[in-house]
């Protein structure tokens, strides 16, 4: 009977329940659990398994630059990363409030790692997120305009609880990029949260966006009431003599 039950659990894709029941048969003494305790045990196992798989899917779809988490952040490095602020961000209340975070600092200081850590934390807490490099985002959107999938792509971006735009401002925006960014931020303003990382201080974003009227409209939606993390100091890759960012992760 137990073998039949296990097989039916497997066929119904009750993977967590299947593992828990199989383990209980192999390790628990007879009558160790009452009927209601056993049911609760199996249901909890299935619930946890499905929840973990949902988290894994959210993280995979987000495509974060780093497999980072808040616990990996080091605050003993002098780079102006405030531990109390990061712990407040870790509860993702800023997402509930539809607030933005702007992370600026020189190359190699850890901006992308911090953003990825916050993104992973959001996925763990049940929020949807997506990571994108700014240049690749605009290229992809331009291609979607050409193949007719632009509206669908914009809608996909709009519905994410958290959008991370990395390396913003590496090159000036052209007219088409400006209008696409304005459309994204107009959709998300007051409804969703966005994290920007940039090597440039926010005061220089006007010049990068160009065309004052559109720049004002975009930055009004991005900067107003946004939290700012202004990282300082020399490159961590340079400090620790790392050859690539993968090695640097262990130093975060």
C-alpha atoms as a PDB file:
ATOM      1  CA  UNK A   1       0.000   0.000   0.000  1.00  0.00           C
ATOM      2  CA  UNK A   2       2.818   2.397   0.879  1.00  0.00           C
ATOM      3  CA  UNK A   3       4.552   1.741  -2.450  1.00  0.00           C
ATOM      4  CA  UNK A   4       1.301   2.460  -4.273  1.00  0.00           C
ATOM      5  CA  UNK A   5       0.820   5.655  -2.292  1.00  0.00           C
ATOM      6  CA  UNK A   6       4.366   6.792  -3.086  1.00  0.00           C
ATOM      7  CA  UNK A   7       3.865   6.088  -6.769  1.00  0.00           C
ATOM      8  CA  UNK A   8       0.635   8.080  -6.855  1.00  0.00           C
ATOM      9  CA  UNK A   9       2.319  10.992  -5.067  1.00  0.00           C
ATOM     10  CA  UNK A  10       5.057  10.916  -7.690  1.00  0.00           C
ATOM     11  CA  UNK A  11       2.599  10.839 -10.581  1.00  0.00           C
ATOM     12  CA  UNK A  12       0.613  13.730  -9.122  1.00  0.00           C
ATOM     13  CA  UNK A  13       3.928  15.615  -8.759  1.00  0.00           C
ATOM     14  CA  UNK A  14       3.647  15.923  -4.991  1.00  0.00           C
ATOM     15  CA  UNK A  15       7.420  15.906  -4.806  1.00  0.00           C
ATOM     16  CA  UNK A  16       7.776  17.353  -1.323  1.00  0.00           C
ATOM     17  CA  UNK A  17       5.121  15.050   0.069  1.00  0.00           C
ATOM     18  CA  UNK A  18       6.707  12.073  -1.712  1.00  0.00           C
ATOM     19  CA  UNK A  19      10.139  12.726  -0.179  1.00  0.00           C
ATOM     20  CA  UNK A  20       8.727  13.355   3.284  1.00  0.00           C
ATOM     21  CA  UNK A  21       6.558  10.227   3.275  1.00  0.00           C
ATOM     22  CA  UNK A  22       9.380   8.076   1.943  1.00  0.00           C
ATOM     23  CA  UNK A  23      11.750   9.415   4.591  1.00  0.00           C
ATOM     24  CA  UNK A  24       9.217   8.819   7.359  1.00  0.00           C
ATOM     25  CA  UNK A  25       8.796   5.198   6.229  1.00  0.00           C
ATOM     26  CA  UNK A  26      12.559   4.685   6.273  1.00  0.00           C
ATOM     27  CA  UNK A  27      13.425   6.439   9.519  1.00  0.00           C
ATOM     28  CA  UNK A  28      10.387   6.889  11.775  1.00  0.00           C
ATOM     29  CA  UNK A  29       9.371   4.034  14.103  1.00  0.00           C
ATOM     30  CA  UNK A  30       5.846   2.593  13.660  1.00  0.00           C
ATOM     31  CA  UNK A  31       3.089   4.783  15.092  1.00  0.00           C
ATOM     32  CA  UNK A  32       5.555   7.627  15.699  1.00  0.00           C
ATOM     33  CA  UNK A  33       2.972  10.116  14.403  1.00  0.00           C
ATOM     34  CA  UNK A  34      -0.753  10.244  14.842  1.00  0.00           C
ATOM     35  CA  UNK A  35      -2.883  10.457  11.707  1.00  0.00           C
ATOM     36  CA  UNK A  36      -3.404  14.213  12.002  1.00  0.00           C
ATOM     37  CA  UNK A  37       0.292  14.785  12.754  1.00  0.00           C
ATOM     38  CA  UNK A  38       1.276  12.761   9.694  1.00  0.00           C
ATOM     39  CA  UNK A  39      -1.097  14.710   7.449  1.00  0.00           C
ATOM     40  CA  UNK A  40       0.224  18.017   8.791  1.00  0.00           C
ATOM     41  CA  UNK A  41       3.807  16.802   8.273  1.00  0.00           C
ATOM     42  CA  UNK A  42       3.165  15.800   4.659  1.00  0.00           C
ATOM     43  CA  UNK A  43       1.230  18.968   3.804  1.00  0.00           C
ATOM     44  CA  UNK A  44       3.971  21.169   5.295  1.00  0.00           C
ATOM     45  CA  UNK A  45       6.606  19.287   3.298  1.00  0.00           C
ATOM     46  CA  UNK A  46       4.667  19.763   0.062  1.00  0.00           C
ATOM     47  CA  UNK A  47       4.000  23.430   0.795  1.00  0.00           C
ATOM     48  CA  UNK A  48       7.698  24.109   1.502  1.00  0.00           C
ATOM     49  CA  UNK A  49       8.783  22.239  -1.609  1.00  0.00           C
ATOM     50  CA  UNK A  50       6.419  24.175  -3.888  1.00  0.00           C
ATOM     51  CA  UNK A  51       7.370  27.474  -2.295  1.00  0.00           C
ATOM     52  CA  UNK A  52      11.081  26.752  -2.782  1.00  0.00           C
ATOM     53  CA  UNK A  53      10.496  25.877  -6.419  1.00  0.00           C
ATOM     54  CA  UNK A  54       8.540  29.114  -6.922  1.00  0.00           C
ATOM     55  CA  UNK A  55      11.471  31.052  -5.482  1.00  0.00           C
ATOM     56  CA  UNK A  56      13.911  29.248  -7.764  1.00  0.00           C
ATOM     57  CA  UNK A  57      11.776  30.049 -10.803  1.00  0.00           C
ATOM     58  CA  UNK A  58      11.537  33.722  -9.835  1.00  0.00           C
ATOM     59  CA  UNK A  59      15.319  33.944  -9.432  1.00  0.00           C
ATOM     60  CA  UNK A  60      15.952  32.147 -12.726  1.00  0.00           C
ATOM     61  CA  UNK A  61      13.568  34.432 -14.608  1.00  0.00           C
ATOM     62  CA  UNK A  62      15.132  37.533 -13.022  1.00  0.00           C
ATOM     63  CA  UNK A  63      18.587  36.697 -14.442  1.00  0.00           C
ATOM     64  CA  UNK A  64      20.526  38.584 -11.787  1.00  0.00           C
ATOM     65  CA  UNK A  65      24.125  39.408 -12.583  1.00  0.00           C
ATOM     66  CA  UNK A  66      25.315  37.756  -9.362  1.00  0.00           C
ATOM     67  CA  UNK A  67      24.038  34.960  -7.149  1.00  0.00           C
ATOM     68  CA  UNK A  68      24.170  37.349  -4.232  1.00  0.00           C
ATOM     69  CA  UNK A  69      22.294  37.738  -0.979  1.00  0.00           C
ATOM     70  CA  UNK A  70      22.207  40.349   1.746  1.00  0.00           C
ATOM     71  CA  UNK A  71      24.057  38.094   4.188  1.00  0.00           C
ATOM     72  CA  UNK A  72      27.083  38.105   1.870  1.00  0.00           C
ATOM     73  CA  UNK A  73      27.517  41.871   2.030  1.00  0.00           C
ATOM     74  CA  UNK A  74      30.523  43.047   4.012  1.00  0.00           C
ATOM     75  CA  UNK A  75      30.216  46.290   5.913  1.00  0.00           C
ATOM     76  CA  UNK A  76      33.756  46.390   7.278  1.00  0.00           C
ATOM     77  CA  UNK A  77      35.027  47.778   3.959  1.00  0.00           C
ATOM     78  CA  UNK A  78      35.169  51.568   3.908  1.00  0.00           C
ATOM     79  CA  UNK A  79      32.867  52.265   0.961  1.00  0.00           C
ATOM     80  CA  UNK A  80      29.954  54.119   2.597  1.00  0.00           C
ATOM     81  CA  UNK A  81      27.608  51.100   2.641  1.00  0.00           C
ATOM     82  CA  UNK A  82      25.375  51.559   5.679  1.00  0.00           C
ATOM     83  CA  UNK A  83      24.417  48.289   7.380  1.00  0.00           C
ATOM     84  CA  UNK A  84      21.291  49.654   9.037  1.00  0.00           C
ATOM     85  CA  UNK A  85      20.006  50.967   5.729  1.00  0.00           C
ATOM     86  CA  UNK A  86      20.644  47.657   3.979  1.00  0.00           C
ATOM     87  CA  UNK A  87      18.878  45.714   6.724  1.00  0.00           C
ATOM     88  CA  UNK A  88      15.855  47.983   6.288  1.00  0.00           C
ATOM     89  CA  UNK A  89      15.923  47.374   2.557  1.00  0.00           C
ATOM     90  CA  UNK A  90      16.122  43.621   3.199  1.00  0.00           C
ATOM     91  CA  UNK A  91      12.513  43.528   4.398  1.00  0.00           C
ATOM     92  CA  UNK A  92      11.554  44.901   0.946  1.00  0.00           C
ATOM     93  CA  UNK A  93       9.192  47.431   2.441  1.00  0.00           C
ATOM     94  CA  UNK A  94      10.460  49.860  -0.201  1.00  0.00           C
ATOM     95  CA  UNK A  95       8.773  47.632  -2.797  1.00  0.00           C
ATOM     96  CA  UNK A  96       5.477  47.764  -0.929  1.00  0.00           C
ATOM     97  CA  UNK A  97       5.799  51.554  -0.922  1.00  0.00           C
ATOM     98  CA  UNK A  98       6.776  51.617  -4.641  1.00  0.00           C
ATOM     99  CA  UNK A  99      10.030  53.444  -3.877  1.00  0.00           C
ATOM    100  CA  UNK A 100      13.194  53.484  -5.979  1.00  0.00           C
ATOM    101  CA  UNK A 101      16.831  52.953  -5.002  1.00  0.00           C
ATOM    102  CA  UNK A 102      19.727  54.677  -6.775  1.00  0.00           C
ATOM    103  CA  UNK A 103      23.170  53.098  -6.312  1.00  0.00           C
ATOM    104  CA  UNK A 104      26.102  55.154  -7.579  1.00  0.00           C
ATOM    105  CA  UNK A 105      29.851  54.809  -7.352  1.00  0.00           C
ATOM    106  CA  UNK A 106      33.009  54.118  -9.316  1.00  0.00           C
ATOM    107  CA  UNK A 107      33.568  50.941 -11.285  1.00  0.00           C
ATOM    108  CA  UNK A 108      34.339  47.818  -9.272  1.00  0.00           C
ATOM    109  CA  UNK A 109      32.976  49.197  -5.992  1.00  0.00           C
ATOM    110  CA  UNK A 110      30.177  46.600  -5.776  1.00  0.00           C
ATOM    111  CA  UNK A 111      27.091  48.370  -7.125  1.00  0.00           C
ATOM    112  CA  UNK A 112      25.833  45.439  -9.190  1.00  0.00           C
ATOM    113  CA  UNK A 113      26.443  43.000  -6.346  1.00  0.00           C
ATOM    114  CA  UNK A 114      24.410  45.119  -3.918  1.00  0.00           C
ATOM    115  CA  UNK A 115      21.591  45.450  -6.454  1.00  0.00           C
ATOM    116  CA  UNK A 116      21.618  41.706  -7.141  1.00  0.00           C
ATOM    117  CA  UNK A 117      21.522  40.980  -3.405  1.00  0.00           C
ATOM    118  CA  UNK A 118      18.426  43.146  -2.989  1.00  0.00           C
ATOM    119  CA  UNK A 119      16.844  41.519  -6.035  1.00  0.00           C
ATOM    120  CA  UNK A 120      17.441  38.010  -4.714  1.00  0.00           C
ATOM    121  CA  UNK A 121      16.039  39.055  -1.352  1.00  0.00           C
ATOM    122  CA  UNK A 122      12.897  40.312  -3.075  1.00  0.00           C
ATOM    123  CA  UNK A 123      12.445  36.959  -4.818  1.00  0.00           C
ATOM    124  CA  UNK A 124      12.875  35.112  -1.507  1.00  0.00           C
ATOM    125  CA  UNK A 125      10.070  37.198  -0.029  1.00  0.00           C
ATOM    126  CA  UNK A 126       7.700  36.465  -2.888  1.00  0.00           C
ATOM    127  CA  UNK A 127       8.163  39.482  -5.175  1.00  0.00           C
ATOM    128  CA  UNK A 128       8.826  39.280  -8.900  1.00  0.00           C
ATOM    129  CA  UNK A 129      11.975  40.906 -10.228  1.00  0.00           C
ATOM    130  CA  UNK A 130      14.007  41.316 -13.371  1.00  0.00           C
ATOM    131  CA  UNK A 131      17.593  42.430 -13.910  1.00  0.00           C
ATOM    132  CA  UNK A 132      18.851  44.089 -17.085  1.00  0.00           C
ATOM    133  CA  UNK A 133      21.893  45.991 -18.239  1.00  0.00           C
ATOM    134  CA  UNK A 134      20.807  49.432 -19.450  1.00  0.00           C
ATOM    135  CA  UNK A 135      22.469  49.197 -22.864  1.00  0.00           C
ATOM    136  CA  UNK A 136      21.094  45.705 -23.505  1.00  0.00           C
ATOM    137  CA  UNK A 137      17.634  46.825 -22.396  1.00  0.00           C
ATOM    138  CA  UNK A 138      17.469  49.562 -25.022  1.00  0.00           C
ATOM    139  CA  UNK A 139      18.837  47.285 -27.732  1.00  0.00           C
ATOM    140  CA  UNK A 140      16.237  44.650 -26.882  1.00  0.00           C
ATOM    141  CA  UNK A 141      13.421  47.193 -26.896  1.00  0.00           C
ATOM    142  CA  UNK A 142      14.492  48.555 -30.269  1.00  0.00           C
ATOM    143  CA  UNK A 143      14.524  45.028 -31.666  1.00  0.00           C
ATOM    144  CA  UNK A 144      11.068  44.412 -30.217  1.00  0.00           C
ATOM    145  CA  UNK A 145       9.801  47.491 -32.048  1.00  0.00           C
ATOM    146  CA  UNK A 146      11.085  45.979 -35.265  1.00  0.00           C
ATOM    147  CA  UNK A 147       9.469  42.573 -34.761  1.00  0.00           C
ATOM    148  CA  UNK A 148       6.193  43.843 -33.288  1.00  0.00           C
ATOM    149  CA  UNK A 149       6.690  42.559 -29.725  1.00  0.00           C
ATOM    150  CA  UNK A 150       7.345  45.954 -28.121  1.00  0.00           C
ATOM    151  CA  UNK A 151       3.979  46.280 -26.363  1.00  0.00           C
ATOM    152  CA  UNK A 152       4.331  42.779 -24.922  1.00  0.00           C
ATOM    153  CA  UNK A 153       7.885  43.482 -23.713  1.00  0.00           C
ATOM    154  CA  UNK A 154       6.909  46.777 -22.091  1.00  0.00           C
ATOM    155  CA  UNK A 155       3.973  45.054 -20.367  1.00  0.00           C
ATOM    156  CA  UNK A 156       6.331  42.362 -19.042  1.00  0.00           C
ATOM    157  CA  UNK A 157       8.634  45.003 -17.575  1.00  0.00           C
ATOM    158  CA  UNK A 158       5.732  46.979 -16.138  1.00  0.00           C
ATOM    159  CA  UNK A 159       4.294  44.097 -14.115  1.00  0.00           C
ATOM    160  CA  UNK A 160       7.550  43.242 -12.314  1.00  0.00           C
ATOM    161  CA  UNK A 161       7.502  44.253  -8.655  1.00  0.00           C
ATOM    162  CA  UNK A 162      11.184  45.179  -8.914  1.00  0.00           C
ATOM    163  CA  UNK A 163      13.137  46.257 -11.992  1.00  0.00           C
ATOM    164  CA  UNK A 164      16.939  46.535 -11.762  1.00  0.00           C
ATOM    165  CA  UNK A 165      18.610  48.663 -14.457  1.00  0.00           C
ATOM    166  CA  UNK A 166      22.357  48.171 -14.146  1.00  0.00           C
ATOM    167  CA  UNK A 167      25.162  50.358 -15.539  1.00  0.00           C
ATOM    168  CA  UNK A 168      22.878  53.249 -16.413  1.00  0.00           C
ATOM    169  CA  UNK A 169      24.591  56.203 -18.076  1.00  0.00           C
ATOM    170  CA  UNK A 170      27.555  54.494 -19.717  1.00  0.00           C
ATOM    171  CA  UNK A 171      26.561  56.241 -22.928  1.00  0.00           C
ATOM    172  CA  UNK A 172      24.188  59.131 -23.733  1.00  0.00           C
ATOM    173  CA  UNK A 173      20.624  58.233 -24.678  1.00  0.00           C
ATOM    174  CA  UNK A 174      19.364  58.886 -28.157  1.00  0.00           C
ATOM    175  CA  UNK A 175      15.836  60.179 -28.806  1.00  0.00           C
ATOM    176  CA  UNK A 176      14.310  56.716 -29.078  1.00  0.00           C
ATOM    177  CA  UNK A 177      15.960  55.488 -25.875  1.00  0.00           C
ATOM    178  CA  UNK A 178      14.783  58.588 -24.009  1.00  0.00           C
ATOM    179  CA  UNK A 179      11.172  57.996 -24.982  1.00  0.00           C
ATOM    180  CA  UNK A 180      11.347  54.280 -24.117  1.00  0.00           C
ATOM    181  CA  UNK A 181      12.818  55.026 -20.698  1.00  0.00           C
ATOM    182  CA  UNK A 182      10.145  57.649 -20.080  1.00  0.00           C
ATOM    183  CA  UNK A 183       7.445  55.133 -20.996  1.00  0.00           C
ATOM    184  CA  UNK A 184       8.910  52.545 -18.607  1.00  0.00           C
ATOM    185  CA  UNK A 185       9.168  54.962 -15.706  1.00  0.00           C
ATOM    186  CA  UNK A 186       5.739  56.450 -16.394  1.00  0.00           C
ATOM    187  CA  UNK A 187       4.234  52.956 -16.143  1.00  0.00           C
ATOM    188  CA  UNK A 188       6.129  52.129 -12.959  1.00  0.00           C
ATOM    189  CA  UNK A 189       5.900  55.463 -11.141  1.00  0.00           C
ATOM    190  CA  UNK A 190       3.820  55.030  -8.004  1.00  0.00           C
ATOM    191  CA  UNK A 191       3.079  51.404  -8.916  1.00  0.00           C
ATOM    192  CA  UNK A 192       6.366  49.491  -8.858  1.00  0.00           C
ATOM    193  CA  UNK A 193       9.960  49.875  -7.645  1.00  0.00           C
ATOM    194  CA  UNK A 194      13.132  50.313  -9.685  1.00  0.00           C
ATOM    195  CA  UNK A 195      16.803  50.063  -8.731  1.00  0.00           C
ATOM    196  CA  UNK A 196      19.332  51.949 -10.853  1.00  0.00           C
ATOM    197  CA  UNK A 197      23.090  51.496 -10.641  1.00  0.00           C
ATOM    198  CA  UNK A 198      25.413  53.991 -12.277  1.00  0.00           C
ATOM    199  CA  UNK A 199      29.015  55.109 -12.270  1.00  0.00           C
ATOM    200  CA  UNK A 200      27.790  58.675 -12.616  1.00  0.00           C
ATOM    201  CA  UNK A 201      26.401  60.765  -9.770  1.00  0.00           C
ATOM    202  CA  UNK A 202      22.700  61.488 -10.130  1.00  0.00           C
ATOM    203  CA  UNK A 203      23.425  65.185 -10.837  1.00  0.00           C
ATOM    204  CA  UNK A 204      24.970  64.165 -14.183  1.00  0.00           C
ATOM    205  CA  UNK A 205      22.044  62.047 -15.331  1.00  0.00           C
ATOM    206  CA  UNK A 206      20.433  65.085 -16.970  1.00  0.00           C
ATOM    207  CA  UNK A 207      23.318  65.300 -19.431  1.00  0.00           C
ATOM    208  CA  UNK A 208      23.197  61.574 -20.167  1.00  0.00           C
ATOM    209  CA  UNK A 209      19.465  61.571 -20.822  1.00  0.00           C
ATOM    210  CA  UNK A 210      19.573  64.760 -22.878  1.00  0.00           C
ATOM    211  CA  UNK A 211      16.645  66.938 -24.017  1.00  0.00           C
ATOM    212  CA  UNK A 212      15.766  68.836 -20.873  1.00  0.00           C
ATOM    213  CA  UNK A 213      11.994  68.423 -20.983  1.00  0.00           C
ATOM    214  CA  UNK A 214      12.154  64.621 -21.194  1.00  0.00           C
ATOM    215  CA  UNK A 215      15.044  64.459 -18.730  1.00  0.00           C
ATOM    216  CA  UNK A 216      12.973  66.442 -16.225  1.00  0.00           C
ATOM    217  CA  UNK A 217      10.010  64.114 -16.724  1.00  0.00           C
ATOM    218  CA  UNK A 218      12.113  60.961 -16.307  1.00  0.00           C
ATOM    219  CA  UNK A 219      14.112  62.112 -13.309  1.00  0.00           C
ATOM    220  CA  UNK A 220      11.023  63.463 -11.584  1.00  0.00           C
ATOM    221  CA  UNK A 221       9.658  59.915 -11.642  1.00  0.00           C
ATOM    222  CA  UNK A 222      12.985  58.262 -10.781  1.00  0.00           C
ATOM    223  CA  UNK A 223      14.622  60.526  -8.228  1.00  0.00           C
ATOM    224  CA  UNK A 224      11.664  61.911  -6.288  1.00  0.00           C
ATOM    225  CA  UNK A 225      11.688  60.269  -2.833  1.00  0.00           C
ATOM    226  CA  UNK A 226      14.236  57.684  -4.024  1.00  0.00           C
ATOM    227  CA  UNK A 227      16.698  56.153  -1.584  1.00  0.00           C
ATOM    228  CA  UNK A 228      20.329  56.788  -2.482  1.00  0.00           C
ATOM    229  CA  UNK A 229      23.355  54.590  -1.873  1.00  0.00           C
ATOM    230  CA  UNK A 230      26.483  56.519  -2.823  1.00  0.00           C
ATOM    231  CA  UNK A 231      29.388  54.070  -2.681  1.00  0.00           C
ATOM    232  CA  UNK A 232      32.856  55.552  -2.380  1.00  0.00           C
ATOM    233  CA  UNK A 233      36.441  54.403  -2.328  1.00  0.00           C
ATOM    234  CA  UNK A 234      38.683  52.504  -4.705  1.00  0.00           C
ATOM    235  CA  UNK A 235      37.695  49.517  -6.791  1.00  0.00           C
ATOM    236  CA  UNK A 236      37.416  46.301  -4.790  1.00  0.00           C
ATOM    237  CA  UNK A 237      38.919  44.429  -7.714  1.00  0.00           C
ATOM    238  CA  UNK A 238      41.917  46.743  -7.594  1.00  0.00           C
ATOM    239  CA  UNK A 239      42.133  46.614  -3.799  1.00  0.00           C
ATOM    240  CA  UNK A 240      42.235  42.850  -3.610  1.00  0.00           C
ATOM    241  CA  UNK A 241      44.155  42.294  -6.789  1.00  0.00           C
ATOM    242  CA  UNK A 242      41.286  40.347  -8.355  1.00  0.00           C
ATOM    243  CA  UNK A 243      41.400  39.577 -12.044  1.00  0.00           C
ATOM    244  CA  UNK A 244      37.647  39.316 -12.523  1.00  0.00           C
ATOM    245  CA  UNK A 245      34.356  40.014 -10.851  1.00  0.00           C
ATOM    246  CA  UNK A 246      33.646  36.374 -10.092  1.00  0.00           C
ATOM    247  CA  UNK A 247      36.572  36.241  -7.699  1.00  0.00           C
ATOM    248  CA  UNK A 248      35.550  39.575  -6.213  1.00  0.00           C
ATOM    249  CA  UNK A 249      32.180  38.176  -5.143  1.00  0.00           C
ATOM    250  CA  UNK A 250      33.790  36.301  -2.260  1.00  0.00           C
ATOM    251  CA  UNK A 251      35.138  39.588  -0.978  1.00  0.00           C
ATOM    252  CA  UNK A 252      31.739  41.286  -0.859  1.00  0.00           C
END
